[in-house]
Amino acid sequence: PLTVLEARAAIDTTAEMEDRPWVA
């Protein structure tokens, strides 16, 4: 498993890695 911080970072960072808002 990931740590709590890693899991949250993975989800939160998703929005920053995609230019199309609906895909993010």
mmCIF file of all heavy atoms, coordinates in Angstrom:
data_MODEL
# 
_entry.id   MODEL 
# 
loop_
_atom_site.group_PDB 
_atom_site.id 
_atom_site.type_symbol 
_atom_site.label_atom_id 
_atom_site.label_alt_id 
_atom_site.label_comp_id 
_atom_site.label_asym_id 
_atom_site.label_entity_id 
_atom_site.label_seq_id 
_atom_site.pdbx_PDB_ins_code 
_atom_site.Cartn_x 
_atom_site.Cartn_y 
_atom_site.Cartn_z 
_atom_site.occupancy 
_atom_site.B_iso_or_equiv 
_atom_site.pdbx_formal_charge 
_atom_site.auth_seq_id 
_atom_site.auth_comp_id 
_atom_site.auth_asym_id 
_atom_site.auth_atom_id 
_atom_site.pdbx_PDB_model_num 
ATOM 1   N N   . PRO A 1 1  ? 0.828   -1.209 0.000   1.00 0.00 ? 1  PRO A N   1 
ATOM 2   C CA  . PRO A 1 1  ? 0.000   0.000  0.000   1.00 0.00 ? 1  PRO A CA  1 
ATOM 3   C C   . PRO A 1 1  ? 0.858   1.253  0.000   1.00 0.00 ? 1  PRO A C   1 
ATOM 4   O O   . PRO A 1 1  ? 2.032   1.236  0.366   1.00 0.00 ? 1  PRO A O   1 
ATOM 5   C CB  . PRO A 1 1  ? -0.786  -0.117 1.309   1.00 0.00 ? 1  PRO A CB  1 
ATOM 6   C CG  . PRO A 1 1  ? 0.120   -0.903 2.200   1.00 0.00 ? 1  PRO A CG  1 
ATOM 7   C CD  . PRO A 1 1  ? 0.849   -1.877 1.307   1.00 0.00 ? 1  PRO A CD  1 
ATOM 8   N N   . LEU A 1 2  ? 0.243   2.350  -0.418  1.00 0.00 ? 2  LEU A N   1 
ATOM 9   C CA  . LEU A 1 2  ? 0.878   3.657  -0.312  1.00 0.00 ? 2  LEU A CA  1 
ATOM 10  C C   . LEU A 1 2  ? 0.629   4.204  1.093   1.00 0.00 ? 2  LEU A C   1 
ATOM 11  O O   . LEU A 1 2  ? -0.274  3.758  1.803   1.00 0.00 ? 2  LEU A O   1 
ATOM 12  C CB  . LEU A 1 2  ? 0.283   4.616  -1.343  1.00 0.00 ? 2  LEU A CB  1 
ATOM 13  C CG  . LEU A 1 2  ? 0.356   4.187  -2.809  1.00 0.00 ? 2  LEU A CG  1 
ATOM 14  C CD1 . LEU A 1 2  ? -0.314  5.236  -3.681  1.00 0.00 ? 2  LEU A CD1 1 
ATOM 15  C CD2 . LEU A 1 2  ? 1.788   3.974  -3.250  1.00 0.00 ? 2  LEU A CD2 1 
ATOM 16  N N   . THR A 1 3  ? 1.408   5.182  1.476   1.00 0.00 ? 3  THR A N   1 
ATOM 17  C CA  . THR A 1 3  ? 1.113   5.875  2.729   1.00 0.00 ? 3  THR A CA  1 
ATOM 18  C C   . THR A 1 3  ? -0.105  6.771  2.500   1.00 0.00 ? 3  THR A C   1 
ATOM 19  O O   . THR A 1 3  ? -0.517  7.010  1.352   1.00 0.00 ? 3  THR A O   1 
ATOM 20  C CB  . THR A 1 3  ? 2.300   6.742  3.173   1.00 0.00 ? 3  THR A CB  1 
ATOM 21  O OG1 . THR A 1 3  ? 2.478   7.806  2.220   1.00 0.00 ? 3  THR A OG1 1 
ATOM 22  C CG2 . THR A 1 3  ? 3.587   5.924  3.257   1.00 0.00 ? 3  THR A CG2 1 
ATOM 23  N N   . VAL A 1 4  ? -0.659  7.269  3.583   1.00 0.00 ? 4  VAL A N   1 
ATOM 24  C CA  . VAL A 1 4  ? -1.806  8.176  3.456   1.00 0.00 ? 4  VAL A CA  1 
ATOM 25  C C   . VAL A 1 4  ? -1.425  9.401  2.629   1.00 0.00 ? 4  VAL A C   1 
ATOM 26  O O   . VAL A 1 4  ? -2.170  9.824  1.736   1.00 0.00 ? 4  VAL A O   1 
ATOM 27  C CB  . VAL A 1 4  ? -2.304  8.608  4.858   1.00 0.00 ? 4  VAL A CB  1 
ATOM 28  C CG1 . VAL A 1 4  ? -3.387  9.682  4.729   1.00 0.00 ? 4  VAL A CG1 1 
ATOM 29  C CG2 . VAL A 1 4  ? -2.843  7.400  5.626   1.00 0.00 ? 4  VAL A CG2 1 
ATOM 30  N N   . LEU A 1 5  ? -0.258  9.968  2.906   1.00 0.00 ? 5  LEU A N   1 
ATOM 31  C CA  . LEU A 1 5  ? 0.179   11.161 2.166   1.00 0.00 ? 5  LEU A CA  1 
ATOM 32  C C   . LEU A 1 5  ? 0.402   10.863 0.690   1.00 0.00 ? 5  LEU A C   1 
ATOM 33  O O   . LEU A 1 5  ? 0.054   11.668 -0.180  1.00 0.00 ? 5  LEU A O   1 
ATOM 34  C CB  . LEU A 1 5  ? 1.460   11.721 2.794   1.00 0.00 ? 5  LEU A CB  1 
ATOM 35  C CG  . LEU A 1 5  ? 1.313   12.354 4.186   1.00 0.00 ? 5  LEU A CG  1 
ATOM 36  C CD1 . LEU A 1 5  ? 2.672   12.814 4.701   1.00 0.00 ? 5  LEU A CD1 1 
ATOM 37  C CD2 . LEU A 1 5  ? 0.333   13.532 4.147   1.00 0.00 ? 5  LEU A CD2 1 
ATOM 38  N N   . GLU A 1 6  ? 0.978   9.698  0.388   1.00 0.00 ? 6  GLU A N   1 
ATOM 39  C CA  . GLU A 1 6  ? 1.201   9.325  -1.016  1.00 0.00 ? 6  GLU A CA  1 
ATOM 40  C C   . GLU A 1 6  ? -0.110  9.141  -1.755  1.00 0.00 ? 6  GLU A C   1 
ATOM 41  O O   . GLU A 1 6  ? -0.264  9.584  -2.903  1.00 0.00 ? 6  GLU A O   1 
ATOM 42  C CB  . GLU A 1 6  ? 2.032   8.042  -1.084  1.00 0.00 ? 6  GLU A CB  1 
ATOM 43  C CG  . GLU A 1 6  ? 3.497   8.217  -0.725  1.00 0.00 ? 6  GLU A CG  1 
ATOM 44  C CD  . GLU A 1 6  ? 4.249   6.915  -0.627  1.00 0.00 ? 6  GLU A CD  1 
ATOM 45  O OE1 . GLU A 1 6  ? 3.583   5.847  -0.449  1.00 0.00 ? 6  GLU A OE1 1 
ATOM 46  O OE2 . GLU A 1 6  ? 5.487   6.921  -0.711  1.00 0.00 ? 6  GLU A OE2 1 
ATOM 47  N N   . ALA A 1 7  ? -1.069  8.470  -1.106  1.00 0.00 ? 7  ALA A N   1 
ATOM 48  C CA  . ALA A 1 7  ? -2.363  8.240  -1.743  1.00 0.00 ? 7  ALA A CA  1 
ATOM 49  C C   . ALA A 1 7  ? -3.080  9.566  -2.017  1.00 0.00 ? 7  ALA A C   1 
ATOM 50  O O   . ALA A 1 7  ? -3.633  9.782  -3.105  1.00 0.00 ? 7  ALA A O   1 
ATOM 51  C CB  . ALA A 1 7  ? -3.224  7.339  -0.861  1.00 0.00 ? 7  ALA A CB  1 
ATOM 52  N N   . ARG A 1 8  ? -3.063  10.452 -1.031  1.00 0.00 ? 8  ARG A N   1 
ATOM 53  C CA  . ARG A 1 8  ? -3.722  11.755 -1.221  1.00 0.00 ? 8  ARG A CA  1 
ATOM 54  C C   . ARG A 1 8  ? -3.027  12.562 -2.313  1.00 0.00 ? 8  ARG A C   1 
ATOM 55  O O   . ARG A 1 8  ? -3.684  13.200 -3.152  1.00 0.00 ? 8  ARG A O   1 
ATOM 56  C CB  . ARG A 1 8  ? -3.701  12.535 0.088   1.00 0.00 ? 8  ARG A CB  1 
ATOM 57  C CG  . ARG A 1 8  ? -4.683  12.012 1.121   1.00 0.00 ? 8  ARG A CG  1 
ATOM 58  C CD  . ARG A 1 8  ? -4.548  12.789 2.413   1.00 0.00 ? 8  ARG A CD  1 
ATOM 59  N NE  . ARG A 1 8  ? -5.544  12.379 3.406   1.00 0.00 ? 8  ARG A NE  1 
ATOM 60  C CZ  . ARG A 1 8  ? -5.526  12.766 4.665   1.00 0.00 ? 8  ARG A CZ  1 
ATOM 61  N NH1 . ARG A 1 8  ? -4.568  13.579 5.100   1.00 0.00 ? 8  ARG A NH1 1 
ATOM 62  N NH2 . ARG A 1 8  ? -6.457  12.354 5.503   1.00 0.00 ? 8  ARG A NH2 1 
ATOM 63  N N   . ALA A 1 9  ? -1.691  12.516 -2.325  1.00 0.00 ? 9  ALA A N   1 
ATOM 64  C CA  . ALA A 1 9  ? -0.936  13.265 -3.328  1.00 0.00 ? 9  ALA A CA  1 
ATOM 65  C C   . ALA A 1 9  ? -1.236  12.746 -4.727  1.00 0.00 ? 9  ALA A C   1 
ATOM 66  O O   . ALA A 1 9  ? -1.352  13.528 -5.681  1.00 0.00 ? 9  ALA A O   1 
ATOM 67  C CB  . ALA A 1 9  ? 0.563   13.174 -3.046  1.00 0.00 ? 9  ALA A CB  1 
ATOM 68  N N   . ALA A 1 10 ? -1.363  11.425 -4.868  1.00 0.00 ? 10 ALA A N   1 
ATOM 69  C CA  . ALA A 1 10 ? -1.649  10.839 -6.173  1.00 0.00 ? 10 ALA A CA  1 
ATOM 70  C C   . ALA A 1 10 ? -2.979  11.349 -6.725  1.00 0.00 ? 10 ALA A C   1 
ATOM 71  O O   . ALA A 1 10 ? -3.095  11.671 -7.916  1.00 0.00 ? 10 ALA A O   1 
ATOM 72  C CB  . ALA A 1 10 ? -1.663  9.317  -6.075  1.00 0.00 ? 10 ALA A CB  1 
ATOM 73  N N   . ILE A 1 11 ? -3.977  11.433 -5.854  1.00 0.00 ? 11 ILE A N   1 
ATOM 74  C CA  . ILE A 1 11 ? -5.298  11.900 -6.300  1.00 0.00 ? 11 ILE A CA  1 
ATOM 75  C C   . ILE A 1 11 ? -5.294  13.405 -6.537  1.00 0.00 ? 11 ILE A C   1 
ATOM 76  O O   . ILE A 1 11 ? -5.773  13.894 -7.561  1.00 0.00 ? 11 ILE A O   1 
ATOM 77  C CB  . ILE A 1 11 ? -6.368  11.501 -5.267  1.00 0.00 ? 11 ILE A CB  1 
ATOM 78  C CG1 . ILE A 1 11 ? -6.485  9.968  -5.223  1.00 0.00 ? 11 ILE A CG1 1 
ATOM 79  C CG2 . ILE A 1 11 ? -7.718  12.127 -5.609  1.00 0.00 ? 11 ILE A CG2 1 
ATOM 80  C CD1 . ILE A 1 11 ? -7.348  9.438  -4.105  1.00 0.00 ? 11 ILE A CD1 1 
ATOM 81  N N   . ASP A 1 12 ? -4.721  14.156 -5.605  1.00 0.00 ? 12 ASP A N   1 
ATOM 82  C CA  . ASP A 1 12 ? -4.733  15.617 -5.719  1.00 0.00 ? 12 ASP A CA  1 
ATOM 83  C C   . ASP A 1 12 ? -3.914  16.108 -6.919  1.00 0.00 ? 12 ASP A C   1 
ATOM 84  O O   . ASP A 1 12 ? -4.284  17.090 -7.564  1.00 0.00 ? 12 ASP A O   1 
ATOM 85  C CB  . ASP A 1 12 ? -4.193  16.256 -4.438  1.00 0.00 ? 12 ASP A CB  1 
ATOM 86  C CG  . ASP A 1 12 ? -5.109  16.014 -3.244  1.00 0.00 ? 12 ASP A CG  1 
ATOM 87  O OD1 . ASP A 1 12 ? -6.280  15.655 -3.471  1.00 0.00 ? 12 ASP A OD1 1 
ATOM 88  O OD2 . ASP A 1 12 ? -4.648  16.162 -2.099  1.00 0.00 ? 12 ASP A OD2 1 
ATOM 89  N N   . THR A 1 13 ? -2.816  15.442 -7.223  1.00 0.00 ? 13 THR A N   1 
ATOM 90  C CA  . THR A 1 13 ? -1.946  15.870 -8.314  1.00 0.00 ? 13 THR A CA  1 
ATOM 91  C C   . THR A 1 13 ? -2.545  15.568 -9.682  1.00 0.00 ? 13 THR A C   1 
ATOM 92  O O   . THR A 1 13 ? -2.152  16.157 -10.683 1.00 0.00 ? 13 THR A O   1 
ATOM 93  C CB  . THR A 1 13 ? -0.558  15.191 -8.183  1.00 0.00 ? 13 THR A CB  1 
ATOM 94  O OG1 . THR A 1 13 ? -0.044  15.439 -6.885  1.00 0.00 ? 13 THR A OG1 1 
ATOM 95  C CG2 . THR A 1 13 ? 0.434   15.726 -9.205  1.00 0.00 ? 13 THR A CG2 1 
ATOM 96  N N   . THR A 1 14 ? -3.519  14.658 -9.716  1.00 0.00 ? 14 THR A N   1 
ATOM 97  C CA  . THR A 1 14 ? -4.150  14.287 -10.983 1.00 0.00 ? 14 THR A CA  1 
ATOM 98  C C   . THR A 1 14 ? -4.674  15.502 -11.726 1.00 0.00 ? 14 THR A C   1 
ATOM 99  O O   . THR A 1 14 ? -4.524  15.618 -12.943 1.00 0.00 ? 14 THR A O   1 
ATOM 100 C CB  . THR A 1 14 ? -5.293  13.282 -10.720 1.00 0.00 ? 14 THR A CB  1 
ATOM 101 O OG1 . THR A 1 14 ? -4.711  12.054 -10.276 1.00 0.00 ? 14 THR A OG1 1 
ATOM 102 C CG2 . THR A 1 14 ? -6.097  13.020 -11.967 1.00 0.00 ? 14 THR A CG2 1 
ATOM 103 N N   . ALA A 1 15 ? -5.285  16.424 -11.004 1.00 0.00 ? 15 ALA A N   1 
ATOM 104 C CA  . ALA A 1 15 ? -5.874  17.612 -11.637 1.00 0.00 ? 15 ALA A CA  1 
ATOM 105 C C   . ALA A 1 15 ? -4.820  18.501 -12.282 1.00 0.00 ? 15 ALA A C   1 
ATOM 106 O O   . ALA A 1 15 ? -5.120  19.253 -13.215 1.00 0.00 ? 15 ALA A O   1 
ATOM 107 C CB  . ALA A 1 15 ? -6.671  18.404 -10.612 1.00 0.00 ? 15 ALA A CB  1 
ATOM 108 N N   . GLU A 1 16 ? -3.572  18.415 -11.804 1.00 0.00 ? 16 GLU A N   1 
ATOM 109 C CA  . GLU A 1 16 ? -2.515  19.287 -12.323 1.00 0.00 ? 16 GLU A CA  1 
ATOM 110 C C   . GLU A 1 16 ? -1.819  18.706 -13.555 1.00 0.00 ? 16 GLU A C   1 
ATOM 111 O O   . GLU A 1 16 ? -1.010  19.384 -14.184 1.00 0.00 ? 16 GLU A O   1 
ATOM 112 C CB  . GLU A 1 16 ? -1.465  19.509 -11.214 1.00 0.00 ? 16 GLU A CB  1 
ATOM 113 C CG  . GLU A 1 16 ? -2.048  20.104 -9.935  1.00 0.00 ? 16 GLU A CG  1 
ATOM 114 C CD  . GLU A 1 16 ? -1.035  20.089 -8.794  1.00 0.00 ? 16 GLU A CD  1 
ATOM 115 O OE1 . GLU A 1 16 ? 0.152   19.784 -9.078  1.00 0.00 ? 16 GLU A OE1 1 
ATOM 116 O OE2 . GLU A 1 16 ? -1.426  20.367 -7.648  1.00 0.00 ? 16 GLU A OE2 1 
ATOM 117 N N   . MET A 1 17 ? -2.123  17.453 -13.900 1.00 0.00 ? 17 MET A N   1 
ATOM 118 C CA  . MET A 1 17 ? -1.384  16.785 -14.963 1.00 0.00 ? 17 MET A CA  1 
ATOM 119 C C   . MET A 1 17 ? -2.173  16.656 -16.264 1.00 0.00 ? 17 MET A C   1 
ATOM 120 O O   . MET A 1 17 ? -1.749  15.981 -17.179 1.00 0.00 ? 17 MET A O   1 
ATOM 121 C CB  . MET A 1 17 ? -0.945  15.399 -14.483 1.00 0.00 ? 17 MET A CB  1 
ATOM 122 C CG  . MET A 1 17 ? -0.008  15.445 -13.296 1.00 0.00 ? 17 MET A CG  1 
ATOM 123 S SD  . MET A 1 17 ? 0.579   13.818 -12.797 1.00 0.00 ? 17 MET A SD  1 
ATOM 124 C CE  . MET A 1 17 ? 1.510   13.320 -14.245 1.00 0.00 ? 17 MET A CE  1 
ATOM 125 N N   . GLU A 1 18 ? -3.329  17.279 -16.317 1.00 0.00 ? 18 GLU A N   1 
ATOM 126 C CA  . GLU A 1 18 ? -4.182  17.157 -17.504 1.00 0.00 ? 18 GLU A CA  1 
ATOM 127 C C   . GLU A 1 18 ? -4.769  18.515 -17.861 1.00 0.00 ? 18 GLU A C   1 
ATOM 128 O O   . GLU A 1 18 ? -5.363  19.176 -17.015 1.00 0.00 ? 18 GLU A O   1 
ATOM 129 C CB  . GLU A 1 18 ? -5.293  16.128 -17.216 1.00 0.00 ? 18 GLU A CB  1 
ATOM 130 C CG  . GLU A 1 18 ? -6.351  16.018 -18.282 1.00 0.00 ? 18 GLU A CG  1 
ATOM 131 C CD  . GLU A 1 18 ? -5.787  15.660 -19.650 1.00 0.00 ? 18 GLU A CD  1 
ATOM 132 O OE1 . GLU A 1 18 ? -5.089  14.634 -19.765 1.00 0.00 ? 18 GLU A OE1 1 
ATOM 133 O OE2 . GLU A 1 18 ? -6.058  16.432 -20.604 1.00 0.00 ? 18 GLU A OE2 1 
ATOM 134 N N   . ASP A 1 19 ? -4.599  18.951 -19.137 1.00 0.00 ? 19 ASP A N   1 
ATOM 135 C CA  . ASP A 1 19 ? -5.092  20.260 -19.581 1.00 0.00 ? 19 ASP A CA  1 
ATOM 136 C C   . ASP A 1 19 ? -6.602  20.287 -19.761 1.00 0.00 ? 19 ASP A C   1 
ATOM 137 O O   . ASP A 1 19 ? -7.216  21.351 -19.689 1.00 0.00 ? 19 ASP A O   1 
ATOM 138 C CB  . ASP A 1 19 ? -4.411  20.649 -20.902 1.00 0.00 ? 19 ASP A CB  1 
ATOM 139 C CG  . ASP A 1 19 ? -2.914  20.881 -20.718 1.00 0.00 ? 19 ASP A CG  1 
ATOM 140 O OD1 . ASP A 1 19 ? -2.515  21.240 -19.597 1.00 0.00 ? 19 ASP A OD1 1 
ATOM 141 O OD2 . ASP A 1 19 ? -2.162  20.678 -21.690 1.00 0.00 ? 19 ASP A OD2 1 
ATOM 142 N N   . ARG A 1 20 ? -7.198  19.138 -20.050 1.00 0.00 ? 20 ARG A N   1 
ATOM 143 C CA  . ARG A 1 20 ? -8.650  19.091 -20.271 1.00 0.00 ? 20 ARG A CA  1 
ATOM 144 C C   . ARG A 1 20 ? -9.349  18.867 -18.931 1.00 0.00 ? 20 ARG A C   1 
ATOM 145 O O   . ARG A 1 20 ? -9.205  17.788 -18.323 1.00 0.00 ? 20 ARG A O   1 
ATOM 146 C CB  . ARG A 1 20 ? -8.983  17.957 -21.245 1.00 0.00 ? 20 ARG A CB  1 
ATOM 147 C CG  . ARG A 1 20 ? -8.466  18.193 -22.659 1.00 0.00 ? 20 ARG A CG  1 
ATOM 148 C CD  . ARG A 1 20 ? -8.432  16.928 -23.487 1.00 0.00 ? 20 ARG A CD  1 
ATOM 149 N NE  . ARG A 1 20 ? -7.444  15.973 -22.963 1.00 0.00 ? 20 ARG A NE  1 
ATOM 150 C CZ  . ARG A 1 20 ? -7.108  14.840 -23.569 1.00 0.00 ? 20 ARG A CZ  1 
ATOM 151 N NH1 . ARG A 1 20 ? -7.693  14.511 -24.710 1.00 0.00 ? 20 ARG A NH1 1 
ATOM 152 N NH2 . ARG A 1 20 ? -6.198  14.044 -23.045 1.00 0.00 ? 20 ARG A NH2 1 
ATOM 153 N N   . PRO A 1 21 ? -10.092 19.845 -18.444 1.00 0.00 ? 21 PRO A N   1 
ATOM 154 C CA  . PRO A 1 21 ? -10.693 19.743 -17.103 1.00 0.00 ? 21 PRO A CA  1 
ATOM 155 C C   . PRO A 1 21 ? -11.557 18.505 -16.909 1.00 0.00 ? 21 PRO A C   1 
ATOM 156 O O   . PRO A 1 21 ? -11.533 17.895 -15.839 1.00 0.00 ? 21 PRO A O   1 
ATOM 157 C CB  . PRO A 1 21 ? -11.516 21.030 -16.990 1.00 0.00 ? 21 PRO A CB  1 
ATOM 158 C CG  . PRO A 1 21 ? -10.817 21.990 -17.899 1.00 0.00 ? 21 PRO A CG  1 
ATOM 159 C CD  . PRO A 1 21 ? -10.331 21.166 -19.048 1.00 0.00 ? 21 PRO A CD  1 
ATOM 160 N N   . TRP A 1 22 ? -12.337 18.123 -17.935 1.00 0.00 ? 22 TRP A N   1 
ATOM 161 C CA  . TRP A 1 22 ? -13.237 16.983 -17.739 1.00 0.00 ? 22 TRP A CA  1 
ATOM 162 C C   . TRP A 1 22 ? -12.449 15.671 -17.639 1.00 0.00 ? 22 TRP A C   1 
ATOM 163 O O   . TRP A 1 22 ? -12.837 14.773 -16.879 1.00 0.00 ? 22 TRP A O   1 
ATOM 164 C CB  . TRP A 1 22 ? -14.293 16.910 -18.837 1.00 0.00 ? 22 TRP A CB  1 
ATOM 165 C CG  . TRP A 1 22 ? -13.859 16.287 -20.143 1.00 0.00 ? 22 TRP A CG  1 
ATOM 166 C CD1 . TRP A 1 22 ? -13.301 16.923 -21.196 1.00 0.00 ? 22 TRP A CD1 1 
ATOM 167 C CD2 . TRP A 1 22 ? -13.956 14.903 -20.502 1.00 0.00 ? 22 TRP A CD2 1 
ATOM 168 N NE1 . TRP A 1 22 ? -13.034 16.029 -22.206 1.00 0.00 ? 22 TRP A NE1 1 
ATOM 169 C CE2 . TRP A 1 22 ? -13.431 14.777 -21.804 1.00 0.00 ? 22 TRP A CE2 1 
ATOM 170 C CE3 . TRP A 1 22 ? -14.423 13.761 -19.860 1.00 0.00 ? 22 TRP A CE3 1 
ATOM 171 C CZ2 . TRP A 1 22 ? -13.364 13.560 -22.482 1.00 0.00 ? 22 TRP A CZ2 1 
ATOM 172 C CZ3 . TRP A 1 22 ? -14.366 12.539 -20.528 1.00 0.00 ? 22 TRP A CZ3 1 
ATOM 173 C CH2 . TRP A 1 22 ? -13.845 12.449 -21.821 1.00 0.00 ? 22 TRP A CH2 1 
ATOM 174 N N   . VAL A 1 23 ? -11.331 15.575 -18.361 1.00 0.00 ? 23 VAL A N   1 
ATOM 175 C CA  . VAL A 1 23 ? -10.490 14.376 -18.277 1.00 0.00 ? 23 VAL A CA  1 
ATOM 176 C C   . VAL A 1 23 ? -9.803  14.313 -16.914 1.00 0.00 ? 23 VAL A C   1 
ATOM 177 O O   . VAL A 1 23 ? -9.710  13.256 -16.296 1.00 0.00 ? 23 VAL A O   1 
ATOM 178 C CB  . VAL A 1 23 ? -9.450  14.345 -19.418 1.00 0.00 ? 23 VAL A CB  1 
ATOM 179 C CG1 . VAL A 1 23 ? -8.480  13.179 -19.231 1.00 0.00 ? 23 VAL A CG1 1 
ATOM 180 C CG2 . VAL A 1 23 ? -10.151 14.240 -20.769 1.00 0.00 ? 23 VAL A CG2 1 
ATOM 181 N N   . ALA A 1 24 ? -9.331  15.471 -16.437 1.00 0.00 ? 24 ALA A N   1 
ATOM 182 C CA  . ALA A 1 24 ? -8.714  15.525 -15.113 1.00 0.00 ? 24 ALA A CA  1 
ATOM 183 C C   . ALA A 1 24 ? -9.720  15.115 -14.039 1.00 0.00 ? 24 ALA A C   1 
ATOM 184 O O   . ALA A 1 24 ? -9.390  14.347 -13.124 1.00 0.00 ? 24 ALA A O   1 
ATOM 185 C CB  . ALA A 1 24 ? -8.182  16.932 -14.842 1.00 0.00 ? 24 ALA A CB  1 
# 
